C-alpha atoms as a PDB file:
ATOM      1  CA  MET A   1      14.276 109.356 197.730  1.00  0.00           C
ATOM      2  CA  LYS A   2      15.030 112.920 196.620  1.00  0.00           C
ATOM      3  CA  GLU A   3      14.173 112.010 193.044  1.00  0.00           C
ATOM      4  CA  LEU A   4      10.805 110.617 194.094  1.00  0.00           C
ATOM      5  CA  VAL A   5       9.926 113.751 196.053  1.00  0.00           C
ATOM      6  CA  PHE A   6      11.076 115.917 193.144  1.00  0.00           C
ATOM      7  CA  ALA A   7       8.938 113.905 190.703  1.00  0.00           C
ATOM      8  CA  ILE A   8       5.869 114.193 192.938  1.00  0.00           C
ATOM      9  CA  VAL A   9       6.315 117.952 193.317  1.00  0.00           C
ATOM     10  CA  GLU A  10       6.881 118.341 189.581  1.00  0.00           C
ATOM     11  CA  MET A  11       3.735 116.380 188.683  1.00  0.00           C
ATOM     12  CA  THR A  12       1.711 118.339 191.229  1.00  0.00           C
ATOM     13  CA  LEU A  13       2.870 121.633 189.755  1.00  0.00           C
ATOM     14  CA  LEU A  14       2.068 120.436 186.237  1.00  0.00           C
ATOM     15  CA  ALA A  15      -1.462 119.353 187.180  1.00  0.00           C
ATOM     16  CA  ALA A  16      -2.288 122.325 189.423  1.00  0.00           C
ATOM     17  CA  PRO A  17      -3.291 124.850 186.723  1.00  0.00           C
ATOM     18  CA  TRP A  18      -5.619 122.352 185.054  1.00  0.00           C
ATOM     19  CA  LEU A  19      -7.159 121.349 188.342  1.00  0.00           C
ATOM     20  CA  LEU A  20      -7.754 125.010 189.168  1.00  0.00           C
ATOM     21  CA  LEU A  21      -9.343 125.528 185.742  1.00  0.00           C
ATOM     22  CA  GLY A  22     -11.641 122.588 186.407  1.00  0.00           C
ATOM     23  CA  LEU A  23     -12.586 123.959 189.808  1.00  0.00           C
ATOM     24  CA  LEU A  24     -13.295 127.350 188.235  1.00  0.00           C
ATOM     25  CA  VAL A  25     -15.516 125.828 185.538  1.00  0.00           C
ATOM     26  CA  ALA A  26     -17.252 123.674 188.169  1.00  0.00           C
ATOM     27  CA  GLY A  27     -17.950 126.786 190.230  1.00  0.00           C
ATOM     28  CA  LEU A  28     -19.324 128.576 187.184  1.00  0.00           C
ATOM     29  CA  VAL A  29     -21.553 125.610 186.340  1.00  0.00           C
ATOM     30  CA  ARG A  30     -22.829 125.427 189.879  1.00  0.00           C
ATOM     31  CA  GLY A  31     -23.372 129.169 190.177  1.00  0.00           C
ATOM     32  CA  LEU A  32     -24.689 130.078 186.742  1.00  0.00           C
ATOM     33  CA  VAL A  33     -26.490 127.021 185.360  1.00  0.00           C
ATOM     34  CA  PRO A  34     -29.784 126.222 187.091  1.00  0.00           C
ATOM     35  CA  ARG A  35     -30.214 122.642 188.279  1.00  0.00           C
ATOM     36  CA  ALA A  36     -33.429 122.365 186.298  1.00  0.00           C
ATOM     37  CA  ARG A  37     -31.491 123.084 183.090  1.00  0.00           C
ATOM     38  CA  ILE A  38     -28.869 120.447 183.906  1.00  0.00           C
ATOM     39  CA  ARG A  39     -31.581 117.884 184.657  1.00  0.00           C
ATOM     40  CA  GLN A  40     -33.434 118.836 181.479  1.00  0.00           C
ATOM     41  CA  TRP A  41     -30.406 118.351 179.235  1.00  0.00           C
ATOM     42  CA  LEU A  42     -28.335 115.699 180.988  1.00  0.00           C
ATOM     43  CA  SER A  43     -30.729 113.309 182.693  1.00  0.00           C
ATOM     44  CA  GLY A  44     -33.145 110.664 181.559  1.00  0.00           C
ATOM     45  CA  ASP A  45     -32.912 107.469 179.587  1.00  0.00           C
ATOM     46  CA  GLY A  46     -31.722 106.947 176.064  1.00  0.00           C
ATOM     47  CA  ILE A  47     -28.828 108.052 173.956  1.00  0.00           C
ATOM     48  CA  ARG A  48     -29.633 111.773 173.704  1.00  0.00           C
ATOM     49  CA  PRO A  49     -28.471 112.816 177.198  1.00  0.00           C
ATOM     50  CA  ILE A  50     -25.301 110.761 176.738  1.00  0.00           C
ATOM     51  CA  LEU A  51     -24.554 112.440 173.409  1.00  0.00           C
ATOM     52  CA  ARG A  52     -25.231 115.845 174.948  1.00  0.00           C
ATOM     53  CA  GLY A  53     -22.717 115.099 177.709  1.00  0.00           C
ATOM     54  CA  ALA A  54     -20.072 114.167 175.156  1.00  0.00           C
ATOM     55  CA  VAL A  55     -20.811 117.185 172.956  1.00  0.00           C
ATOM     56  CA  LEU A  56     -20.626 119.443 175.991  1.00  0.00           C
ATOM     57  CA  GLY A  57     -17.176 118.110 176.851  1.00  0.00           C
ATOM     58  CA  VAL A  58     -15.547 118.172 173.410  1.00  0.00           C
ATOM     59  CA  PRO A  59     -14.950 121.939 172.994  1.00  0.00           C
ATOM     60  CA  LEU A  60     -13.531 122.366 176.507  1.00  0.00           C
ATOM     61  CA  PRO A  61      -9.716 122.457 176.541  1.00  0.00           C
ATOM     62  CA  MET A  62      -9.280 120.482 179.763  1.00  0.00           C
ATOM     63  CA  CYS A  63      -7.320 117.442 180.745  1.00  0.00           C
ATOM     64  CA  SER A  64      -8.780 114.846 183.072  1.00  0.00           C
ATOM     65  CA  CYS A  65      -7.606 116.850 186.099  1.00  0.00           C
ATOM     66  CA  GLY A  66      -9.934 119.669 185.125  1.00  0.00           C
ATOM     67  CA  ALA A  67     -12.751 117.505 183.815  1.00  0.00           C
ATOM     68  CA  ILE A  68     -13.253 115.630 187.084  1.00  0.00           C
ATOM     69  CA  PRO A  69     -14.413 118.612 189.205  1.00  0.00           C
ATOM     70  CA  THR A  70     -16.602 119.849 186.358  1.00  0.00           C
ATOM     71  CA  ALA A  71     -18.199 116.427 185.901  1.00  0.00           C
ATOM     72  CA  LEU A  72     -18.778 116.212 189.636  1.00  0.00           C
ATOM     73  CA  ALA A  73     -20.573 119.573 189.542  1.00  0.00           C
ATOM     74  CA  LEU A  74     -22.735 118.343 186.661  1.00  0.00           C
ATOM     75  CA  TYR A  75     -23.559 115.106 188.483  1.00  0.00           C
ATOM     76  CA  ARG A  76     -24.406 116.898 191.714  1.00  0.00           C
ATOM     77  CA  GLY A  77     -26.499 119.312 189.673  1.00  0.00           C
ATOM     78  CA  GLY A  78     -28.718 116.516 188.414  1.00  0.00           C
ATOM     79  CA  ALA A  79     -26.945 114.991 185.415  1.00  0.00           C
ATOM     80  CA  GLY A  80     -27.251 111.244 185.021  1.00  0.00           C
ATOM     81  CA  ARG A  81     -24.397 108.764 185.249  1.00  0.00           C
ATOM     82  CA  GLY A  82     -24.275 108.139 181.502  1.00  0.00           C
ATOM     83  CA  PRO A  83     -24.006 111.800 180.480  1.00  0.00           C
ATOM     84  CA  THR A  84     -21.484 112.457 183.248  1.00  0.00           C
ATOM     85  CA  THR A  85     -19.341 109.550 182.083  1.00  0.00           C
ATOM     86  CA  SER A  86     -19.531 110.633 178.443  1.00  0.00           C
ATOM     87  CA  PHE A  87     -18.499 114.136 179.526  1.00  0.00           C
ATOM     88  CA  LEU A  88     -15.517 112.682 181.397  1.00  0.00           C
ATOM     89  CA  VAL A  89     -14.448 110.645 178.373  1.00  0.00           C
ATOM     90  CA  GLY A  90     -15.183 113.324 175.786  1.00  0.00           C
ATOM     91  CA  THR A  91     -13.423 116.222 177.454  1.00  0.00           C
ATOM     92  CA  PRO A  92      -9.802 115.034 177.633  1.00  0.00           C
ATOM     93  CA  GLY A  93      -9.963 112.433 174.878  1.00  0.00           C
ATOM     94  CA  ALA A  94     -11.821 114.149 172.076  1.00  0.00           C
ATOM     95  CA  GLY A  95     -11.228 117.803 172.857  1.00  0.00           C
ATOM     96  CA  VAL A  96     -10.415 120.227 170.083  1.00  0.00           C
ATOM     97  CA  ASP A  97      -6.938 120.782 171.505  1.00  0.00           C
ATOM     98  CA  SER A  98      -6.213 117.045 171.789  1.00  0.00           C
ATOM     99  CA  LEU A  99      -7.402 116.327 168.265  1.00  0.00           C
ATOM    100  CA  SER A 100      -5.433 119.192 166.718  1.00  0.00           C
ATOM    101  CA  LEU A 101      -2.259 118.141 168.533  1.00  0.00           C
ATOM    102  CA  THR A 102      -2.726 114.518 167.493  1.00  0.00           C
ATOM    103  CA  LEU A 103      -3.334 115.448 163.867  1.00  0.00           C
ATOM    104  CA  SER A 104      -0.254 117.661 163.796  1.00  0.00           C
ATOM    105  CA  LEU A 105       1.888 114.920 165.335  1.00  0.00           C
ATOM    106  CA  ILE A 106       0.832 112.347 162.754  1.00  0.00           C
ATOM    107  CA  HIS A 107       1.242 114.925 159.958  1.00  0.00           C
ATOM    108  CA  LEU A 108      -2.343 115.104 158.724  1.00  0.00           C
END
């Protein structure tokens, strides 16, 4: 039982900084980016808003813990489901930090 509690505390402490970063970015998005701008860029039909959501997420060095609050702020700000989902997938999976680490691990 002690090992389980220790593992839970350890995982919480590992995720906490990234979650706080995500909350900070979400607060900045909500406070600095007007809703009209979010709706203009990340809503509507077609592939363009979805690509914009993915492109927005790629340069951010966040794991999924940090991407979730930011994506929630985008969605509540008027972004569509498609762009929000592409942001969620693009941020932790195709981020610059993830790609550089992967390339260095496979020796490319």
